[in-house]
Amino acid sequence: MQSLTLSDAQQEVDEWIKTVGVRYFGELTNLGILVEEVGELARLMVRKYGDQSSKASDMGREMADEMADILWVLICIANQTGVDLTDAFRKNMKKKTERDAERHKQNQKLS
């Protein structure tokens, strides 16, 4: 399978929206959809890794698909608001690396 950059994904989603999806939903609508999708992933994870038992409505649902739904909506929001996710991710990694250079190594809970 061919690799896909964040930039490629942003362009692919934008093309899909313009050709198949007609237009982007409003930013606040997409925020609501993002929260909904995160909730769907949470439901599957608490049933798989937590103490809740599965329900019939969970059958056939995959965590990977829910994660992809989250990524899709996040990319839509990034495109709508002019955020370059590659640049944002690189800046965020730099911030975390500088801020947390020693923090996690000193956390006894992680030892």
PDB file of N, CA and C in Angstrom:
ATOM      1  N   MET A   1       0.842  -1.182   0.000  1.00  0.00           N
ATOM      2  CA  MET A   1       0.000   0.000   0.000  1.00  0.00           C
ATOM      3  C   MET A   1       0.888   1.247   0.000  1.00  0.00           C
ATOM      4  N   GLN A   2       0.525   2.208  -0.783  1.00  0.00           N
ATOM      5  CA  GLN A   2       1.305   3.443  -0.923  1.00  0.00           C
ATOM      6  C   GLN A   2       1.134   4.322   0.311  1.00  0.00           C
ATOM      7  N   SER A   3       2.230   4.944   0.743  1.00  0.00           N
ATOM      8  CA  SER A   3       2.154   5.836   1.899  1.00  0.00           C
ATOM      9  C   SER A   3       1.394   7.108   1.531  1.00  0.00           C
ATOM     10  N   LEU A   4       0.870   7.761   2.559  1.00  0.00           N
ATOM     11  CA  LEU A   4       0.055   8.957   2.368  1.00  0.00           C
ATOM     12  C   LEU A   4       0.512  10.005   3.375  1.00  0.00           C
ATOM     13  N   THR A   5       0.858  11.170   2.888  1.00  0.00           N
ATOM     14  CA  THR A   5       1.256  12.250   3.790  1.00  0.00           C
ATOM     15  C   THR A   5       0.012  12.975   4.293  1.00  0.00           C
ATOM     16  N   LEU A   6       0.173  13.759   5.340  1.00  0.00           N
ATOM     17  CA  LEU A   6      -0.940  14.573   5.823  1.00  0.00           C
ATOM     18  C   LEU A   6      -1.387  15.550   4.744  1.00  0.00           C
ATOM     19  N   SER A   7      -0.434  16.107   4.031  1.00  0.00           N
ATOM     20  CA  SER A   7      -0.753  17.032   2.946  1.00  0.00           C
ATOM     21  C   SER A   7      -1.568  16.339   1.856  1.00  0.00           C
ATOM     22  N   ASP A   8      -1.153  15.124   1.500  1.00  0.00           N
ATOM     23  CA  ASP A   8      -1.900  14.337   0.513  1.00  0.00           C
ATOM     24  C   ASP A   8      -3.328  14.098   1.002  1.00  0.00           C
ATOM     25  N   ALA A   9      -3.462  13.746   2.268  1.00  0.00           N
ATOM     26  CA  ALA A   9      -4.784  13.470   2.833  1.00  0.00           C
ATOM     27  C   ALA A   9      -5.652  14.724   2.805  1.00  0.00           C
ATOM     28  N   GLN A  10      -5.063  15.868   3.136  1.00  0.00           N
ATOM     29  CA  GLN A  10      -5.832  17.113   3.093  1.00  0.00           C
ATOM     30  C   GLN A  10      -6.313  17.408   1.670  1.00  0.00           C
ATOM     31  N   GLN A  11      -5.445  17.194   0.694  1.00  0.00           N
ATOM     32  CA  GLN A  11      -5.824  17.438  -0.698  1.00  0.00           C
ATOM     33  C   GLN A  11      -6.885  16.441  -1.161  1.00  0.00           C
ATOM     34  N   GLU A  12      -6.730  15.180  -0.765  1.00  0.00           N
ATOM     35  CA  GLU A  12      -7.684  14.149  -1.174  1.00  0.00           C
ATOM     36  C   GLU A  12      -9.072  14.413  -0.595  1.00  0.00           C
ATOM     37  N   VAL A  13      -9.128  14.791   0.669  1.00  0.00           N
ATOM     38  CA  VAL A  13     -10.413  15.111   1.290  1.00  0.00           C
ATOM     39  C   VAL A  13     -11.031  16.321   0.601  1.00  0.00           C
ATOM     40  N   ASP A  14     -10.231  17.341   0.325  1.00  0.00           N
ATOM     41  CA  ASP A  14     -10.751  18.537  -0.327  1.00  0.00           C
ATOM     42  C   ASP A  14     -11.338  18.200  -1.703  1.00  0.00           C
ATOM     43  N   GLU A  15     -10.635  17.389  -2.465  1.00  0.00           N
ATOM     44  CA  GLU A  15     -11.141  16.974  -3.784  1.00  0.00           C
ATOM     45  C   GLU A  15     -12.443  16.198  -3.644  1.00  0.00           C
ATOM     46  N   TRP A  16     -12.507  15.287  -2.677  1.00  0.00           N
ATOM     47  CA  TRP A  16     -13.721  14.500  -2.469  1.00  0.00           C
ATOM     48  C   TRP A  16     -14.889  15.410  -2.109  1.00  0.00           C
ATOM     49  N   ILE A  17     -14.648  16.345  -1.214  1.00  0.00           N
ATOM     50  CA  ILE A  17     -15.708  17.272  -0.804  1.00  0.00           C
ATOM     51  C   ILE A  17     -16.226  18.041  -2.020  1.00  0.00           C
ATOM     52  N   LYS A  18     -15.324  18.512  -2.856  1.00  0.00           N
ATOM     53  CA  LYS A  18     -15.711  19.330  -4.011  1.00  0.00           C
ATOM     54  C   LYS A  18     -16.401  18.528  -5.112  1.00  0.00           C
ATOM     55  N   THR A  19     -16.117  17.229  -5.208  1.00  0.00           N
ATOM     56  CA  THR A  19     -16.681  16.440  -6.300  1.00  0.00           C
ATOM     57  C   THR A  19     -17.833  15.537  -5.869  1.00  0.00           C
ATOM     58  N   VAL A  20     -17.762  14.982  -4.686  1.00  0.00           N
ATOM     59  CA  VAL A  20     -18.783  14.052  -4.209  1.00  0.00           C
ATOM     60  C   VAL A  20     -19.634  14.668  -3.105  1.00  0.00           C
ATOM     61  N   GLY A  21     -19.004  15.376  -2.217  1.00  0.00           N
ATOM     62  CA  GLY A  21     -19.694  15.896  -1.039  1.00  0.00           C
ATOM     63  C   GLY A  21     -20.403  17.220  -1.237  1.00  0.00           C
ATOM     64  N   VAL A  22     -20.282  17.831  -2.386  1.00  0.00           N
ATOM     65  CA  VAL A  22     -20.897  19.104  -2.756  1.00  0.00           C
ATOM     66  C   VAL A  22     -20.206  20.284  -2.071  1.00  0.00           C
ATOM     67  N   ARG A  23     -20.191  20.299  -0.731  1.00  0.00           N
ATOM     68  CA  ARG A  23     -19.506  21.370   0.006  1.00  0.00           C
ATOM     69  C   ARG A  23     -19.216  20.878   1.412  1.00  0.00           C
ATOM     70  N   TYR A  24     -18.345  21.606   2.087  1.00  0.00           N
ATOM     71  CA  TYR A  24     -18.060  21.286   3.491  1.00  0.00           C
ATOM     72  C   TYR A  24     -19.278  21.627   4.335  1.00  0.00           C
ATOM     73  N   PHE A  25     -19.521  20.824   5.367  1.00  0.00           N
ATOM     74  CA  PHE A  25     -20.478  21.224   6.387  1.00  0.00           C
ATOM     75  C   PHE A  25     -19.870  22.425   7.109  1.00  0.00           C
ATOM     76  N   GLY A  26     -20.662  23.192   7.825  1.00  0.00           N
ATOM     77  CA  GLY A  26     -20.134  24.306   8.596  1.00  0.00           C
ATOM     78  C   GLY A  26     -19.143  23.829   9.649  1.00  0.00           C
ATOM     79  N   GLU A  27     -18.265  24.735  10.049  1.00  0.00           N
ATOM     80  CA  GLU A  27     -17.227  24.386  11.027  1.00  0.00           C
ATOM     81  C   GLU A  27     -17.818  23.853  12.331  1.00  0.00           C
ATOM     82  N   LEU A  28     -18.874  24.486  12.823  1.00  0.00           N
ATOM     83  CA  LEU A  28     -19.476  24.018  14.079  1.00  0.00           C
ATOM     84  C   LEU A  28     -20.162  22.668  13.905  1.00  0.00           C
ATOM     85  N   THR A  29     -20.761  22.447  12.744  1.00  0.00           N
ATOM     86  CA  THR A  29     -21.340  21.129  12.465  1.00  0.00           C
ATOM     87  C   THR A  29     -20.246  20.074  12.473  1.00  0.00           C
ATOM     88  N   ASN A  30     -19.118  20.375  11.822  1.00  0.00           N
ATOM     89  CA  ASN A  30     -18.008  19.416  11.805  1.00  0.00           C
ATOM     90  C   ASN A  30     -17.424  19.195  13.197  1.00  0.00           C
ATOM     91  N   LEU A  31     -17.412  20.221  14.015  1.00  0.00           N
ATOM     92  CA  LEU A  31     -16.953  20.030  15.395  1.00  0.00           C
ATOM     93  C   LEU A  31     -17.875  19.048  16.118  1.00  0.00           C
ATOM     94  N   GLY A  32     -19.179  19.203  15.945  1.00  0.00           N
ATOM     95  CA  GLY A  32     -20.129  18.276  16.550  1.00  0.00           C
ATOM     96  C   GLY A  32     -19.939  16.854  16.040  1.00  0.00           C
ATOM     97  N   ILE A  33     -19.705  16.722  14.741  1.00  0.00           N
ATOM     98  CA  ILE A  33     -19.466  15.396  14.151  1.00  0.00           C
ATOM     99  C   ILE A  33     -18.187  14.796  14.715  1.00  0.00           C
ATOM    100  N   LEU A  34     -17.145  15.621  14.884  1.00  0.00           N
ATOM    101  CA  LEU A  34     -15.882  15.140  15.457  1.00  0.00           C
ATOM    102  C   LEU A  34     -16.106  14.581  16.853  1.00  0.00           C
ATOM    103  N   VAL A  35     -16.836  15.306  17.676  1.00  0.00           N
ATOM    104  CA  VAL A  35     -17.123  14.848  19.046  1.00  0.00           C
ATOM    105  C   VAL A  35     -17.908  13.529  19.002  1.00  0.00           C
ATOM    106  N   GLU A  36     -18.867  13.446  18.092  1.00  0.00           N
ATOM    107  CA  GLU A  36     -19.658  12.225  17.938  1.00  0.00           C
ATOM    108  C   GLU A  36     -18.770  11.042  17.559  1.00  0.00           C
ATOM    109  N   GLU A  37     -17.871  11.254  16.619  1.00  0.00           N
ATOM    110  CA  GLU A  37     -16.976  10.180  16.176  1.00  0.00           C
ATOM    111  C   GLU A  37     -16.025   9.745  17.294  1.00  0.00           C
ATOM    112  N   VAL A  38     -15.532  10.701  18.073  1.00  0.00           N
ATOM    113  CA  VAL A  38     -14.673  10.351  19.215  1.00  0.00           C
ATOM    114  C   VAL A  38     -15.473   9.509  20.209  1.00  0.00           C
ATOM    115  N   GLY A  39     -16.735   9.854  20.400  1.00  0.00           N
ATOM    116  CA  GLY A  39     -17.597   9.077  21.282  1.00  0.00           C
ATOM    117  C   GLY A  39     -17.790   7.650  20.790  1.00  0.00           C
ATOM    118  N   GLU A  40     -17.908   7.477  19.484  1.00  0.00           N
ATOM    119  CA  GLU A  40     -18.062   6.131  18.927  1.00  0.00           C
ATOM    120  C   GLU A  40     -16.807   5.297  19.153  1.00  0.00           C
ATOM    121  N   LEU A  41     -15.634   5.911  19.004  1.00  0.00           N
ATOM    122  CA  LEU A  41     -14.384   5.209  19.297  1.00  0.00           C
ATOM    123  C   LEU A  41     -14.304   4.877  20.779  1.00  0.00           C
ATOM    124  N   ALA A  42     -14.675   5.824  21.620  1.00  0.00           N
ATOM    125  CA  ALA A  42     -14.640   5.597  23.070  1.00  0.00           C
ATOM    126  C   ALA A  42     -15.528   4.418  23.457  1.00  0.00           C
ATOM    127  N   ARG A  43     -16.722   4.359  22.871  1.00  0.00           N
ATOM    128  CA  ARG A  43     -17.639   3.262  23.180  1.00  0.00           C
ATOM    129  C   ARG A  43     -17.001   1.915  22.862  1.00  0.00           C
ATOM    130  N   LEU A  44     -16.382   1.798  21.692  1.00  0.00           N
ATOM    131  CA  LEU A  44     -15.744   0.533  21.327  1.00  0.00           C
ATOM    132  C   LEU A  44     -14.576   0.202  22.241  1.00  0.00           C
ATOM    133  N   MET A  45     -13.792   1.222  22.594  1.00  0.00           N
ATOM    134  CA  MET A  45     -12.612   0.978  23.433  1.00  0.00           C
ATOM    135  C   MET A  45     -12.989   0.575  24.852  1.00  0.00           C
ATOM    136  N   VAL A  46     -14.022   1.198  25.423  1.00  0.00           N
ATOM    137  CA  VAL A  46     -14.395   0.813  26.794  1.00  0.00           C
ATOM    138  C   VAL A  46     -14.988  -0.590  26.817  1.00  0.00           C
ATOM    139  N   ARG A  47     -15.559  -1.007  25.714  1.00  0.00           N
ATOM    140  CA  ARG A  47     -16.092  -2.361  25.657  1.00  0.00           C
ATOM    141  C   ARG A  47     -14.981  -3.389  25.422  1.00  0.00           C
ATOM    142  N   LYS A  48     -13.969  -3.011  24.681  1.00  0.00           N
ATOM    143  CA  LYS A  48     -12.865  -3.941  24.413  1.00  0.00           C
ATOM    144  C   LYS A  48     -11.842  -3.971  25.549  1.00  0.00           C
ATOM    145  N   TYR A  49     -11.470  -2.793  26.057  1.00  0.00           N
ATOM    146  CA  TYR A  49     -10.399  -2.718  27.047  1.00  0.00           C
ATOM    147  C   TYR A  49     -10.899  -2.406  28.453  1.00  0.00           C
ATOM    148  N   GLY A  50     -12.115  -1.959  28.569  1.00  0.00           N
ATOM    149  CA  GLY A  50     -12.670  -1.586  29.860  1.00  0.00           C
ATOM    150  C   GLY A  50     -13.566  -2.677  30.416  1.00  0.00           C
ATOM    151  N   ASP A  51     -14.424  -2.283  31.325  1.00  0.00           N
ATOM    152  CA  ASP A  51     -15.241  -3.237  32.054  1.00  0.00           C
ATOM    153  C   ASP A  51     -16.621  -3.478  31.452  1.00  0.00           C
ATOM    154  N   GLN A  52     -17.013  -2.683  30.471  1.00  0.00           N
ATOM    155  CA  GLN A  52     -18.338  -2.872  29.883  1.00  0.00           C
ATOM    156  C   GLN A  52     -18.345  -4.034  28.900  1.00  0.00           C
ATOM    157  N   SER A  53     -19.484  -4.719  28.843  1.00  0.00           N
ATOM    158  CA  SER A  53     -19.634  -5.794  27.868  1.00  0.00           C
ATOM    159  C   SER A  53     -20.142  -5.204  26.556  1.00  0.00           C
ATOM    160  N   SER A  54     -19.911  -5.935  25.479  1.00  0.00           N
ATOM    161  CA  SER A  54     -20.334  -5.474  24.158  1.00  0.00           C
ATOM    162  C   SER A  54     -21.839  -5.596  24.010  1.00  0.00           C
ATOM    163  N   LYS A  55     -22.381  -4.798  23.094  1.00  0.00           N
ATOM    164  CA  LYS A  55     -23.795  -4.849  22.745  1.00  0.00           C
ATOM    165  C   LYS A  55     -23.913  -5.322  21.305  1.00  0.00           C
ATOM    166  N   ALA A  56     -25.079  -5.785  20.942  1.00  0.00           N
ATOM    167  CA  ALA A  56     -25.307  -6.226  19.565  1.00  0.00           C
ATOM    168  C   ALA A  56     -25.027  -5.099  18.580  1.00  0.00           C
ATOM    169  N   SER A  57     -25.315  -3.852  18.975  1.00  0.00           N
ATOM    170  CA  SER A  57     -25.102  -2.710  18.080  1.00  0.00           C
ATOM    171  C   SER A  57     -23.619  -2.433  17.823  1.00  0.00           C
ATOM    172  N   ASP A  58     -22.736  -3.022  18.629  1.00  0.00           N
ATOM    173  CA  ASP A  58     -21.298  -2.834  18.439  1.00  0.00           C
ATOM    174  C   ASP A  58     -20.719  -3.824  17.429  1.00  0.00           C
ATOM    175  N   MET A  59     -21.461  -4.868  17.123  1.00  0.00           N
ATOM    176  CA  MET A  59     -20.953  -5.906  16.234  1.00  0.00           C
ATOM    177  C   MET A  59     -20.683  -5.325  14.843  1.00  0.00           C
ATOM    178  N   GLY A  60     -19.560  -5.693  14.281  1.00  0.00           N
ATOM    179  CA  GLY A  60     -19.192  -5.223  12.951  1.00  0.00           C
ATOM    180  C   GLY A  60     -18.524  -3.859  12.933  1.00  0.00           C
ATOM    181  N   ARG A  61     -18.466  -3.191  14.082  1.00  0.00           N
ATOM    182  CA  ARG A  61     -17.803  -1.886  14.150  1.00  0.00           C
ATOM    183  C   ARG A  61     -16.334  -2.113  14.454  1.00  0.00           C
ATOM    184  N   GLU A  62     -15.492  -1.351  13.782  1.00  0.00           N
ATOM    185  CA  GLU A  62     -14.041  -1.507  13.932  1.00  0.00           C
ATOM    186  C   GLU A  62     -13.432  -0.217  14.471  1.00  0.00           C
ATOM    187  N   MET A  63     -12.498  -0.352  15.414  1.00  0.00           N
ATOM    188  CA  MET A  63     -11.811   0.823  15.949  1.00  0.00           C
ATOM    189  C   MET A  63     -11.078   1.574  14.844  1.00  0.00           C
ATOM    190  N   ALA A  64     -10.469   0.843  13.923  1.00  0.00           N
ATOM    191  CA  ALA A  64      -9.727   1.496  12.837  1.00  0.00           C
ATOM    192  C   ALA A  64     -10.651   2.374  12.005  1.00  0.00           C
ATOM    193  N   ASP A  65     -11.862   1.912  11.741  1.00  0.00           N
ATOM    194  CA  ASP A  65     -12.809   2.701  10.961  1.00  0.00           C
ATOM    195  C   ASP A  65     -13.235   3.948  11.730  1.00  0.00           C
ATOM    196  N   GLU A  66     -13.437   3.810  13.031  1.00  0.00           N
ATOM    197  CA  GLU A  66     -13.807   4.968  13.849  1.00  0.00           C
ATOM    198  C   GLU A  66     -12.662   5.976  13.891  1.00  0.00           C
ATOM    199  N   MET A  67     -11.417   5.488  13.991  1.00  0.00           N
ATOM    200  CA  MET A  67     -10.261   6.383  13.968  1.00  0.00           C
ATOM    201  C   MET A  67     -10.167   7.108  12.631  1.00  0.00           C
ATOM    202  N   ALA A  68     -10.443   6.395  11.544  1.00  0.00           N
ATOM    203  CA  ALA A  68     -10.418   7.021  10.220  1.00  0.00           C
ATOM    204  C   ALA A  68     -11.514   8.083  10.100  1.00  0.00           C
ATOM    205  N   ASP A  69     -12.693   7.817  10.695  1.00  0.00           N
ATOM    206  CA  ASP A  69     -13.757   8.825  10.700  1.00  0.00           C
ATOM    207  C   ASP A  69     -13.303  10.086  11.432  1.00  0.00           C
ATOM    208  N   ILE A  70     -12.614   9.899  12.560  1.00  0.00           N
ATOM    209  CA  ILE A  70     -12.097  11.037  13.335  1.00  0.00           C
ATOM    210  C   ILE A  70     -11.092  11.818  12.494  1.00  0.00           C
ATOM    211  N   LEU A  71     -10.182  11.105  11.853  1.00  0.00           N
ATOM    212  CA  LEU A  71      -9.170  11.760  11.018  1.00  0.00           C
ATOM    213  C   LEU A  71      -9.826  12.520   9.873  1.00  0.00           C
ATOM    214  N   TRP A  72     -10.826  11.930   9.249  1.00  0.00           N
ATOM    215  CA  TRP A  72     -11.545  12.564   8.141  1.00  0.00           C
ATOM    216  C   TRP A  72     -12.122  13.910   8.575  1.00  0.00           C
ATOM    217  N   VAL A  73     -12.854  13.911   9.678  1.00  0.00           N
ATOM    218  CA  VAL A  73     -13.504  15.144  10.117  1.00  0.00           C
ATOM    219  C   VAL A  73     -12.462  16.165  10.563  1.00  0.00           C
ATOM    220  N   LEU A  74     -11.398  15.712  11.222  1.00  0.00           N
ATOM    221  CA  LEU A  74     -10.337  16.623  11.629  1.00  0.00           C
ATOM    222  C   LEU A  74      -9.693  17.271  10.402  1.00  0.00           C
ATOM    223  N   ILE A  75      -9.490  16.492   9.351  1.00  0.00           N
ATOM    224  CA  ILE A  75      -8.939  17.039   8.108  1.00  0.00           C
ATOM    225  C   ILE A  75      -9.909  18.054   7.505  1.00  0.00           C
ATOM    226  N   CYS A  76     -11.197  17.759   7.544  1.00  0.00           N
ATOM    227  CA  CYS A  76     -12.182  18.731   7.041  1.00  0.00           C
ATOM    228  C   CYS A  76     -12.067  20.050   7.793  1.00  0.00           C
ATOM    229  N   ILE A  77     -11.994  19.969   9.110  1.00  0.00           N
ATOM    230  CA  ILE A  77     -11.890  21.182   9.926  1.00  0.00           C
ATOM    231  C   ILE A  77     -10.597  21.928   9.615  1.00  0.00           C
ATOM    232  N   ALA A  78      -9.502  21.195   9.463  1.00  0.00           N
ATOM    233  CA  ALA A  78      -8.223  21.828   9.118  1.00  0.00           C
ATOM    234  C   ALA A  78      -8.329  22.541   7.778  1.00  0.00           C
ATOM    235  N   ASN A  79      -8.909  21.880   6.800  1.00  0.00           N
ATOM    236  CA  ASN A  79      -9.064  22.499   5.477  1.00  0.00           C
ATOM    237  C   ASN A  79      -9.922  23.754   5.553  1.00  0.00           C
ATOM    238  N   GLN A  80     -11.000  23.698   6.307  1.00  0.00           N
ATOM    239  CA  GLN A  80     -11.911  24.835   6.409  1.00  0.00           C
ATOM    240  C   GLN A  80     -11.280  26.033   7.096  1.00  0.00           C
ATOM    241  N   THR A  81     -10.395  25.768   8.033  1.00  0.00           N
ATOM    242  CA  THR A  81      -9.829  26.844   8.845  1.00  0.00           C
ATOM    243  C   THR A  81      -8.420  27.237   8.416  1.00  0.00           C
ATOM    244  N   GLY A  82      -7.936  26.649   7.318  1.00  0.00           N
ATOM    245  CA  GLY A  82      -6.633  27.018   6.784  1.00  0.00           C
ATOM    246  C   GLY A  82      -5.448  26.472   7.560  1.00  0.00           C
ATOM    247  N   VAL A  83      -5.632  25.355   8.250  1.00  0.00           N
ATOM    248  CA  VAL A  83      -4.542  24.758   9.017  1.00  0.00           C
ATOM    249  C   VAL A  83      -3.815  23.729   8.159  1.00  0.00           C
ATOM    250  N   ASP A  84      -2.508  23.888   8.044  1.00  0.00           N
ATOM    251  CA  ASP A  84      -1.648  22.908   7.388  1.00  0.00           C
ATOM    252  C   ASP A  84      -1.283  21.884   8.462  1.00  0.00           C
ATOM    253  N   LEU A  85      -1.861  20.690   8.380  1.00  0.00           N
ATOM    254  CA  LEU A  85      -1.656  19.697   9.440  1.00  0.00           C
ATOM    255  C   LEU A  85      -0.212  19.219   9.534  1.00  0.00           C
ATOM    256  N   THR A  86       0.499  19.196   8.418  1.00  0.00           N
ATOM    257  CA  THR A  86       1.914  18.805   8.467  1.00  0.00           C
ATOM    258  C   THR A  86       2.697  19.801   9.301  1.00  0.00           C
ATOM    259  N   ASP A  87       2.524  21.069   9.018  1.00  0.00           N
ATOM    260  CA  ASP A  87       3.209  22.121   9.764  1.00  0.00           C
ATOM    261  C   ASP A  87       2.778  22.109  11.232  1.00  0.00           C
ATOM    262  N   ALA A  88       1.478  21.982  11.471  1.00  0.00           N
ATOM    263  CA  ALA A  88       0.963  21.966  12.845  1.00  0.00           C
ATOM    264  C   ALA A  88       1.525  20.779  13.621  1.00  0.00           C
ATOM    265  N   PHE A  89       1.590  19.612  12.982  1.00  0.00           N
ATOM    266  CA  PHE A  89       2.119  18.423  13.652  1.00  0.00           C
ATOM    267  C   PHE A  89       3.597  18.592  13.984  1.00  0.00           C
ATOM    268  N   ARG A  90       4.368  19.101  13.035  1.00  0.00           N
ATOM    269  CA  ARG A  90       5.809  19.299  13.288  1.00  0.00           C
ATOM    270  C   ARG A  90       6.039  20.281  14.441  1.00  0.00           C
ATOM    271  N   LYS A  91       5.283  21.379  14.453  1.00  0.00           N
ATOM    272  CA  LYS A  91       5.407  22.360  15.539  1.00  0.00           C
ATOM    273  C   LYS A  91       4.994  21.742  16.871  1.00  0.00           C
ATOM    274  N   ASN A  92       3.959  20.913  16.855  1.00  0.00           N
ATOM    275  CA  ASN A  92       3.482  20.292  18.079  1.00  0.00           C
ATOM    276  C   ASN A  92       4.506  19.289  18.617  1.00  0.00           C
ATOM    277  N   MET A  93       5.136  18.529  17.724  1.00  0.00           N
ATOM    278  CA  MET A  93       6.175  17.581  18.152  1.00  0.00           C
ATOM    279  C   MET A  93       7.367  18.318  18.760  1.00  0.00           C
ATOM    280  N   LYS A  94       7.740  19.434  18.149  1.00  0.00           N
ATOM    281  CA  LYS A  94       8.854  20.234  18.679  1.00  0.00           C
ATOM    282  C   LYS A  94       8.507  20.750  20.071  1.00  0.00           C
ATOM    283  N   LYS A  95       7.297  21.266  20.232  1.00  0.00           N
ATOM    284  CA  LYS A  95       6.852  21.780  21.529  1.00  0.00           C
ATOM    285  C   LYS A  95       6.876  20.684  22.581  1.00  0.00           C
ATOM    286  N   LYS A  96       6.338  19.524  22.255  1.00  0.00           N
ATOM    287  CA  LYS A  96       6.301  18.417  23.208  1.00  0.00           C
ATOM    288  C   LYS A  96       7.706  17.942  23.566  1.00  0.00           C
ATOM    289  N   THR A  97       8.582  17.878  22.567  1.00  0.00           N
ATOM    290  CA  THR A  97       9.949  17.409  22.797  1.00  0.00           C
ATOM    291  C   THR A  97      10.698  18.355  23.724  1.00  0.00           C
ATOM    292  N   GLU A  98      10.548  19.639  23.488  1.00  0.00           N
ATOM    293  CA  GLU A  98      11.231  20.616  24.337  1.00  0.00           C
ATOM    294  C   GLU A  98      10.627  20.643  25.741  1.00  0.00           C
ATOM    295  N   ARG A  99       9.325  20.652  25.841  1.00  0.00           N
ATOM    296  CA  ARG A  99       8.644  20.749  27.128  1.00  0.00           C
ATOM    297  C   ARG A  99       8.823  19.481  27.967  1.00  0.00           C
ATOM    298  N   ASP A 100       8.790  18.330  27.313  1.00  0.00           N
ATOM    299  CA  ASP A 100       8.764  17.066  28.049  1.00  0.00           C
ATOM    300  C   ASP A 100      10.062  16.278  27.959  1.00  0.00           C
ATOM    301  N   ALA A 101      11.169  16.955  27.631  1.00  0.00           N
ATOM    302  CA  ALA A 101      12.449  16.266  27.427  1.00  0.00           C
ATOM    303  C   ALA A 101      12.819  15.363  28.597  1.00  0.00           C
ATOM    304  N   GLU A 102      12.562  15.784  29.806  1.00  0.00           N
ATOM    305  CA  GLU A 102      12.895  14.984  30.986  1.00  0.00           C
ATOM    306  C   GLU A 102      11.675  14.564  31.796  1.00  0.00           C
ATOM    307  N   ARG A 103      10.562  15.211  31.561  1.00  0.00           N
ATOM    308  CA  ARG A 103       9.368  15.020  32.390  1.00  0.00           C
ATOM    309  C   ARG A 103       8.943  13.556  32.511  1.00  0.00           C
ATOM    310  N   HIS A 104       8.807  12.861  31.401  1.00  0.00           N
ATOM    311  CA  HIS A 104       8.309  11.487  31.437  1.00  0.00           C
ATOM    312  C   HIS A 104       9.345  10.518  31.991  1.00  0.00           C
ATOM    313  N   LYS A 105      10.623  10.820  31.772  1.00  0.00           N
ATOM    314  CA  LYS A 105      11.681   9.974  32.322  1.00  0.00           C
ATOM    315  C   LYS A 105      11.687  10.027  33.839  1.00  0.00           C
ATOM    316  N   GLN A 106      11.230  11.150  34.402  1.00  0.00           N
ATOM    317  CA  GLN A 106      11.224  11.319  35.856  1.00  0.00           C
ATOM    318  C   GLN A 106       9.906  10.880  36.497  1.00  0.00           C
ATOM    319  N   ASN A 107       8.950  10.480  35.709  1.00  0.00           N
ATOM    320  CA  ASN A 107       7.654  10.053  36.214  1.00  0.00           C
ATOM    321  C   ASN A 107       7.735   8.606  36.691  1.00  0.00           C
ATOM    322  N   GLN A 108       7.688   8.428  38.005  1.00  0.00           N
ATOM    323  CA  GLN A 108       7.806   7.091  38.585  1.00  0.00           C
ATOM    324  C   GLN A 108       6.648   6.184  38.178  1.00  0.00           C
ATOM    325  N   LYS A 109       5.526   6.755  37.840  1.00  0.00           N
ATOM    326  CA  LYS A 109       4.372   5.955  37.426  1.00  0.00           C
ATOM    327  C   LYS A 109       4.638   5.241  36.101  1.00  0.00           C
ATOM    328  N   LEU A 110       5.582   5.745  35.325  1.00  0.00           N
ATOM    329  CA  LEU A 110       5.890   5.141  34.031  1.00  0.00           C
ATOM    330  C   LEU A 110       7.049   4.156  34.107  1.00  0.00           C
ATOM    331  N   SER A 111       7.683   4.030  35.234  1.00  0.00           N
ATOM    332  CA  SER A 111       8.840   3.137  35.371  1.00  0.00           C
ATOM    333  C   SER A 111       8.408   1.684  35.476  1.00  0.00           C
TER     334      SER A 111
END
